[in-house]
Amino acid sequence: MRSFLRRTEKDTAVFILGMLKIPVIVIFILASLKLSLTQLETKGIINWIDRGLTACLILALTYGINVLFTEAAIYYLKVYAH
């Protein structure tokens, strides 16, 4: 994906891809686990695990959005300052 994005004139897409690499992997893993749990009966401990995965998924999404906006603001302020 990175080699495809390097063909563009601006490096914004590569910058965003680099920033969100870890949050996207975590979100993918958590979403996969959550989808896998839908195949099981939702009783007792499975229900608690499902709720925990939902909370972790929300945290990962929030962290990804936070990183995106924080790092993008820093990046563009550095470009603007030069």
Protein backbone atom coordinates (compact mmCIF):
# COMPACT_ATOMS: atom_id res chain seq x y z
CA MET A 1 0.00 0.00 0.00
CA ARG A 2 2.83 2.35 0.85
CA SER A 3 4.43 1.94 -2.59
CA PHE A 4 1.11 2.77 -4.23
CA LEU A 5 0.68 5.89 -2.12
CA ARG A 6 4.20 7.10 -2.83
CA ARG A 7 3.20 7.67 -6.46
CA THR A 8 0.95 10.57 -5.44
CA GLU A 9 2.29 14.11 -5.48
CA LYS A 10 1.66 14.78 -1.81
CA ASP A 11 2.98 12.73 1.06
CA THR A 12 -0.14 13.21 3.19
CA ALA A 13 -1.51 9.74 2.51
CA VAL A 14 1.80 8.08 3.46
CA PHE A 15 1.94 10.23 6.59
CA ILE A 16 -1.57 9.17 7.64
CA LEU A 17 -0.82 5.52 6.88
CA GLY A 18 2.27 5.64 9.07
CA MET A 19 0.41 7.25 11.96
CA LEU A 20 -2.53 4.88 11.95
CA LYS A 21 -0.70 1.60 11.35
CA ILE A 22 -0.95 0.30 14.94
CA PRO A 23 -4.49 1.58 15.72
CA VAL A 24 -5.85 0.05 12.50
CA ILE A 25 -4.27 -3.33 13.29
CA VAL A 26 -5.71 -3.28 16.82
CA ILE A 27 -9.15 -2.24 15.54
CA PHE A 28 -9.07 -5.03 12.95
CA ILE A 29 -8.14 -7.66 15.55
CA LEU A 30 -10.77 -6.48 18.05
CA ALA A 31 -13.49 -6.31 15.38
CA SER A 32 -12.56 -9.82 14.21
CA LEU A 33 -12.80 -11.18 17.74
CA LYS A 34 -16.13 -9.43 18.26
CA LEU A 35 -17.51 -10.89 15.05
CA SER A 36 -16.27 -14.34 16.05
CA LEU A 37 -18.09 -14.08 19.37
CA THR A 38 -21.40 -13.50 17.59
CA GLN A 39 -21.28 -17.15 16.52
CA LEU A 40 -21.31 -18.30 20.14
CA GLU A 41 -24.23 -18.23 22.51
CA THR A 42 -24.33 -15.01 24.51
CA LYS A 43 -24.49 -16.36 28.02
CA GLY A 44 -22.44 -15.53 31.08
CA ILE A 45 -18.75 -15.00 30.44
CA ILE A 46 -19.15 -14.66 26.66
CA ASN A 47 -21.44 -11.68 27.23
CA TRP A 48 -18.83 -10.03 29.47
CA ILE A 49 -16.07 -10.68 26.95
CA ASP A 50 -18.25 -9.15 24.23
CA ARG A 51 -18.79 -6.03 26.34
CA GLY A 52 -15.07 -5.81 27.06
CA LEU A 53 -14.23 -6.10 23.38
CA THR A 54 -16.74 -3.37 22.58
CA ALA A 55 -15.14 -1.09 25.17
CA CYS A 56 -11.65 -1.83 23.82
CA LEU A 57 -12.84 -1.22 20.27
CA ILE A 58 -14.23 2.17 21.26
CA LEU A 59 -10.96 3.01 23.02
CA ALA A 60 -8.92 1.99 19.97
CA LEU A 61 -11.09 4.09 17.66
CA THR A 62 -10.84 7.08 19.99
CA TYR A 63 -7.07 6.67 20.24
CA GLY A 64 -6.75 6.45 16.44
CA ILE A 65 -8.78 9.60 15.92
CA ASN A 66 -6.79 11.38 18.63
CA VAL A 67 -3.46 10.38 17.04
CA LEU A 68 -4.70 11.41 13.61
CA PHE A 69 -5.76 14.89 14.63
CA THR A 70 -2.85 15.54 16.99
CA GLU A 71 -0.12 14.40 14.62
CA ALA A 72 -1.77 16.07 11.62
CA ALA A 73 -1.97 19.36 13.51
CA ILE A 74 1.69 19.10 14.54
CA TYR A 75 2.73 18.18 11.00
CA TYR A 76 0.93 21.07 9.35
CA LEU A 77 2.04 23.56 12.00
CA LYS A 78 5.66 22.54 11.33
CA VAL A 79 5.13 22.98 7.59
CA TYR A 80 3.47 26.34 8.17
CA ALA A 81 6.27 27.50 10.50
CA HIS A 82 8.96 26.88 7.89
